[in-house]
Amino acid sequence: MSYKGYFKPKNPAKYKGDPTKVIYRSSWELKLMLHLDTHPEIIEWSSEEFFIPYRSPLDNKMHRYFPDFKVKKMLPNNQSETIVIEVKPRSQSIPPTMKSKPTKRYLREVMTYGINEAKWKAANEYCKDRKWKFMVMTEKELGIK
């Protein structure tokens, strides 16, 4: 999943930010960008254009979390909703399981999951305060096998 590059929107007016500096960091993010850019229900979208402060469980210090996407979507009732989306492999969105003894890989997975959990807790609170939604999209939600 180490596919990255610049995305050039076909509908730059929908992009909130500099449409010449839209970076995707995976093929999964690229797939979502293509959808957001062309889907008629998407009013506007951005990628890594704002941050949410969170406290890291590793060092107990405040850090900045830049969610992958912020999307404004038109609903059937002519209302709109704002959704903050993080794109991650499912393996990073569930607690890791230890096989027999703690390995370096297992400890790395525990740290990654702990940081993700702290970011997503902060994002949920941030979004709740603004009456937005927060969601993590994995390969399952993106329709990737």
C-alpha atoms as a PDB file:
ATOM      1  CA  MET A   1       0.000   0.000   0.000  1.00  0.00           C
ATOM      2  CA  SER A   2       2.949   2.369  -0.536  1.00  0.00           C
ATOM      3  CA  TYR A   3       1.453   3.999  -3.626  1.00  0.00           C
ATOM      4  CA  LYS A   4       1.648   7.826  -3.473  1.00  0.00           C
ATOM      5  CA  GLY A   5       1.598  10.927  -5.645  1.00  0.00           C
ATOM      6  CA  TYR A   6      -0.305  14.098  -6.501  1.00  0.00           C
ATOM      7  CA  PHE A   7      -4.004  14.042  -7.342  1.00  0.00           C
ATOM      8  CA  LYS A   8      -5.340  16.554  -9.858  1.00  0.00           C
ATOM      9  CA  PRO A   9      -9.089  17.099  -9.251  1.00  0.00           C
ATOM     10  CA  LYS A  10     -11.346  17.188 -12.308  1.00  0.00           C
ATOM     11  CA  ASN A  11     -13.642  19.435 -10.240  1.00  0.00           C
ATOM     12  CA  PRO A  12     -11.182  21.783  -8.480  1.00  0.00           C
ATOM     13  CA  ALA A  13     -14.020  24.056  -7.260  1.00  0.00           C
ATOM     14  CA  LYS A  14     -15.186  21.189  -4.992  1.00  0.00           C
ATOM     15  CA  TYR A  15     -11.781  20.959  -3.333  1.00  0.00           C
ATOM     16  CA  LYS A  16     -11.361  23.168  -0.261  1.00  0.00           C
ATOM     17  CA  GLY A  17      -7.680  23.961  -0.152  1.00  0.00           C
ATOM     18  CA  ASP A  18      -5.009  24.232  -2.824  1.00  0.00           C
ATOM     19  CA  PRO A  19      -6.113  21.823  -5.598  1.00  0.00           C
ATOM     20  CA  THR A  20      -2.558  21.758  -6.992  1.00  0.00           C
ATOM     21  CA  LYS A  21      -1.163  20.229  -3.771  1.00  0.00           C
ATOM     22  CA  VAL A  22      -3.474  17.269  -3.129  1.00  0.00           C
ATOM     23  CA  ILE A  23      -1.315  14.317  -2.081  1.00  0.00           C
ATOM     24  CA  TYR A  24      -2.474  10.725  -1.790  1.00  0.00           C
ATOM     25  CA  ARG A  25      -0.397   8.400   0.352  1.00  0.00           C
ATOM     26  CA  SER A  26      -1.944   5.107  -0.771  1.00  0.00           C
ATOM     27  CA  SER A  27      -3.924   3.600  -3.619  1.00  0.00           C
ATOM     28  CA  TRP A  28      -6.850   3.442  -1.182  1.00  0.00           C
ATOM     29  CA  GLU A  29      -6.746   7.220  -0.635  1.00  0.00           C
ATOM     30  CA  LEU A  30      -6.507   7.710  -4.413  1.00  0.00           C
ATOM     31  CA  LYS A  31      -9.601   5.554  -4.914  1.00  0.00           C
ATOM     32  CA  LEU A  32     -11.539   7.639  -2.390  1.00  0.00           C
ATOM     33  CA  MET A  33     -10.312  10.903  -3.946  1.00  0.00           C
ATOM     34  CA  LEU A  34     -11.579   9.825  -7.372  1.00  0.00           C
ATOM     35  CA  HIS A  35     -14.972   9.075  -5.814  1.00  0.00           C
ATOM     36  CA  LEU A  36     -15.181  12.337  -3.864  1.00  0.00           C
ATOM     37  CA  ASP A  37     -14.118  14.425  -6.850  1.00  0.00           C
ATOM     38  CA  THR A  38     -16.771  13.011  -9.188  1.00  0.00           C
ATOM     39  CA  HIS A  39     -19.716  11.991  -6.998  1.00  0.00           C
ATOM     40  CA  PRO A  40     -22.652  14.424  -7.400  1.00  0.00           C
ATOM     41  CA  GLU A  41     -23.679  14.243  -3.707  1.00  0.00           C
ATOM     42  CA  ILE A  42     -20.269  15.509  -2.587  1.00  0.00           C
ATOM     43  CA  ILE A  43     -20.463  19.292  -2.288  1.00  0.00           C
ATOM     44  CA  GLU A  44     -16.894  19.832  -1.119  1.00  0.00           C
ATOM     45  CA  TRP A  45     -13.943  17.883   0.190  1.00  0.00           C
ATOM     46  CA  SER A  46     -10.383  18.329   1.380  1.00  0.00           C
ATOM     47  CA  SER A  47      -7.431  16.138   2.290  1.00  0.00           C
ATOM     48  CA  GLU A  48      -5.204  16.758   5.322  1.00  0.00           C
ATOM     49  CA  GLU A  49      -6.196  20.438   5.390  1.00  0.00           C
ATOM     50  CA  PHE A  50      -6.836  20.729   9.148  1.00  0.00           C
ATOM     51  CA  PHE A  51      -5.646  19.136  12.369  1.00  0.00           C
ATOM     52  CA  ILE A  52      -7.135  17.816  15.579  1.00  0.00           C
ATOM     53  CA  PRO A  53      -5.041  17.968  18.759  1.00  0.00           C
ATOM     54  CA  TYR A  54      -4.655  14.677  20.635  1.00  0.00           C
ATOM     55  CA  ARG A  55      -2.598  13.342  23.527  1.00  0.00           C
ATOM     56  CA  SER A  56      -0.294  10.475  22.597  1.00  0.00           C
ATOM     57  CA  PRO A  57      -0.346   7.482  24.939  1.00  0.00           C
ATOM     58  CA  LEU A  58       3.360   6.940  24.176  1.00  0.00           C
ATOM     59  CA  ASP A  59       4.763  10.211  25.525  1.00  0.00           C
ATOM     60  CA  ASN A  60       1.683  11.818  27.131  1.00  0.00           C
ATOM     61  CA  LYS A  61       2.306  14.962  25.023  1.00  0.00           C
ATOM     62  CA  MET A  62      -0.066  16.830  22.750  1.00  0.00           C
ATOM     63  CA  HIS A  63       0.333  16.155  19.014  1.00  0.00           C
ATOM     64  CA  ARG A  64      -1.494  17.175  15.844  1.00  0.00           C
ATOM     65  CA  TYR A  65      -3.583  14.651  13.907  1.00  0.00           C
ATOM     66  CA  PHE A  66      -4.324  15.534  10.272  1.00  0.00           C
ATOM     67  CA  PRO A  67      -7.317  13.389   9.212  1.00  0.00           C
ATOM     68  CA  ASP A  68      -7.184  12.087   5.664  1.00  0.00           C
ATOM     69  CA  PHE A  69     -10.427  13.704   4.489  1.00  0.00           C
ATOM     70  CA  LYS A  70     -13.122  16.179   5.401  1.00  0.00           C
ATOM     71  CA  VAL A  71     -16.209  15.776   3.232  1.00  0.00           C
ATOM     72  CA  LYS A  72     -19.404  17.794   2.943  1.00  0.00           C
ATOM     73  CA  LYS A  73     -22.186  15.685   1.462  1.00  0.00           C
ATOM     74  CA  MET A  74     -25.694  16.651   0.326  1.00  0.00           C
ATOM     75  CA  LEU A  75     -28.432  14.495   1.834  1.00  0.00           C
ATOM     76  CA  PRO A  76     -31.771  13.615   0.158  1.00  0.00           C
ATOM     77  CA  ASN A  77     -33.622  16.101   2.415  1.00  0.00           C
ATOM     78  CA  ASN A  78     -31.525  19.005   1.028  1.00  0.00           C
ATOM     79  CA  GLN A  79     -29.549  19.130   4.276  1.00  0.00           C
ATOM     80  CA  SER A  80     -25.824  18.580   4.289  1.00  0.00           C
ATOM     81  CA  GLU A  81     -23.579  16.597   6.587  1.00  0.00           C
ATOM     82  CA  THR A  82     -19.865  16.847   7.233  1.00  0.00           C
ATOM     83  CA  ILE A  83     -17.855  13.664   7.625  1.00  0.00           C
ATOM     84  CA  VAL A  84     -14.222  13.363   8.675  1.00  0.00           C
ATOM     85  CA  ILE A  85     -12.686  10.209   7.218  1.00  0.00           C
ATOM     86  CA  GLU A  86      -9.524   8.302   8.054  1.00  0.00           C
ATOM     87  CA  VAL A  87      -8.342   5.597   5.623  1.00  0.00           C
ATOM     88  CA  LYS A  88      -6.503   2.741   7.316  1.00  0.00           C
ATOM     89  CA  PRO A  89      -5.928  -0.990   6.873  1.00  0.00           C
ATOM     90  CA  ARG A  90      -8.332  -2.994   9.025  1.00  0.00           C
ATOM     91  CA  SER A  91      -5.347  -4.497  10.817  1.00  0.00           C
ATOM     92  CA  GLN A  92      -4.540  -1.041  12.247  1.00  0.00           C
ATOM     93  CA  SER A  93      -8.109  -0.415  13.386  1.00  0.00           C
ATOM     94  CA  ILE A  94      -8.428  -3.410  15.706  1.00  0.00           C
ATOM     95  CA  PRO A  95      -6.352  -4.325  18.759  1.00  0.00           C
ATOM     96  CA  PRO A  96      -3.426  -6.605  17.855  1.00  0.00           C
ATOM     97  CA  THR A  97      -3.365 -10.107  19.261  1.00  0.00           C
ATOM     98  CA  MET A  98      -0.237 -11.643  20.701  1.00  0.00           C
ATOM     99  CA  LYS A  99       0.521 -15.098  19.328  1.00  0.00           C
ATOM    100  CA  SER A 100       2.846 -16.660  21.927  1.00  0.00           C
ATOM    101  CA  LYS A 101       5.363 -14.102  23.175  1.00  0.00           C
ATOM    102  CA  PRO A 102       5.785 -10.364  22.526  1.00  0.00           C
ATOM    103  CA  THR A 103       7.758  -9.797  19.333  1.00  0.00           C
ATOM    104  CA  LYS A 104       9.082  -6.489  17.952  1.00  0.00           C
ATOM    105  CA  ARG A 105       6.331  -6.601  15.360  1.00  0.00           C
ATOM    106  CA  TYR A 106       3.649  -7.119  17.999  1.00  0.00           C
ATOM    107  CA  LEU A 107       4.996  -4.221  20.102  1.00  0.00           C
ATOM    108  CA  ARG A 108       5.039  -1.980  16.999  1.00  0.00           C
ATOM    109  CA  GLU A 109       1.428  -2.966  16.245  1.00  0.00           C
ATOM    110  CA  VAL A 110       0.433  -2.169  19.852  1.00  0.00           C
ATOM    111  CA  MET A 111       2.027   1.292  19.576  1.00  0.00           C
ATOM    112  CA  THR A 112       0.373   1.973  16.214  1.00  0.00           C
ATOM    113  CA  TYR A 113      -3.023   0.892  17.496  1.00  0.00           C
ATOM    114  CA  GLY A 114      -2.611   2.951  20.685  1.00  0.00           C
ATOM    115  CA  ILE A 115      -1.792   6.092  18.725  1.00  0.00           C
ATOM    116  CA  ASN A 116      -4.646   5.463  16.284  1.00  0.00           C
ATOM    117  CA  GLU A 117      -7.053   4.922  19.166  1.00  0.00           C
ATOM    118  CA  ALA A 118      -5.985   8.239  20.778  1.00  0.00           C
ATOM    119  CA  LYS A 119      -6.334  10.098  17.459  1.00  0.00           C
ATOM    120  CA  TRP A 120      -9.761   8.627  16.766  1.00  0.00           C
ATOM    121  CA  LYS A 121     -11.045   9.362  20.255  1.00  0.00           C
ATOM    122  CA  ALA A 122      -9.984  13.002  19.830  1.00  0.00           C
ATOM    123  CA  ALA A 123     -11.531  13.070  16.339  1.00  0.00           C
ATOM    124  CA  ASN A 124     -14.840  11.669  17.609  1.00  0.00           C
ATOM    125  CA  GLU A 125     -15.010  14.355  20.315  1.00  0.00           C
ATOM    126  CA  TYR A 126     -13.963  17.101  17.872  1.00  0.00           C
ATOM    127  CA  CYS A 127     -16.620  16.033  15.363  1.00  0.00           C
ATOM    128  CA  LYS A 128     -19.319  15.588  17.994  1.00  0.00           C
ATOM    129  CA  ASP A 129     -18.757  19.191  19.159  1.00  0.00           C
ATOM    130  CA  ARG A 130     -19.367  20.386  15.578  1.00  0.00           C
ATOM    131  CA  LYS A 131     -22.247  17.992  14.801  1.00  0.00           C
ATOM    132  CA  TRP A 132     -20.066  16.207  12.250  1.00  0.00           C
ATOM    133  CA  LYS A 133     -19.461  12.489  11.807  1.00  0.00           C
ATOM    134  CA  PHE A 134     -16.149  10.660  12.066  1.00  0.00           C
ATOM    135  CA  MET A 135     -15.414   7.348  10.400  1.00  0.00           C
ATOM    136  CA  VAL A 136     -12.507   5.048   9.693  1.00  0.00           C
ATOM    137  CA  MET A 137     -12.660   3.468   6.257  1.00  0.00           C
ATOM    138  CA  THR A 138     -10.801   0.193   5.782  1.00  0.00           C
ATOM    139  CA  GLU A 139     -10.397  -2.003   2.726  1.00  0.00           C
ATOM    140  CA  LYS A 140     -13.862  -3.388   3.493  1.00  0.00           C
ATOM    141  CA  GLU A 141     -15.651  -0.007   3.222  1.00  0.00           C
ATOM    142  CA  LEU A 142     -13.571   0.893   0.162  1.00  0.00           C
ATOM    143  CA  GLY A 143     -14.512  -2.366  -1.586  1.00  0.00           C
ATOM    144  CA  ILE A 144     -10.913  -3.584  -1.788  1.00  0.00           C
ATOM    145  CA  LYS A 145     -10.070  -7.261  -1.436  1.00  0.00           C
END
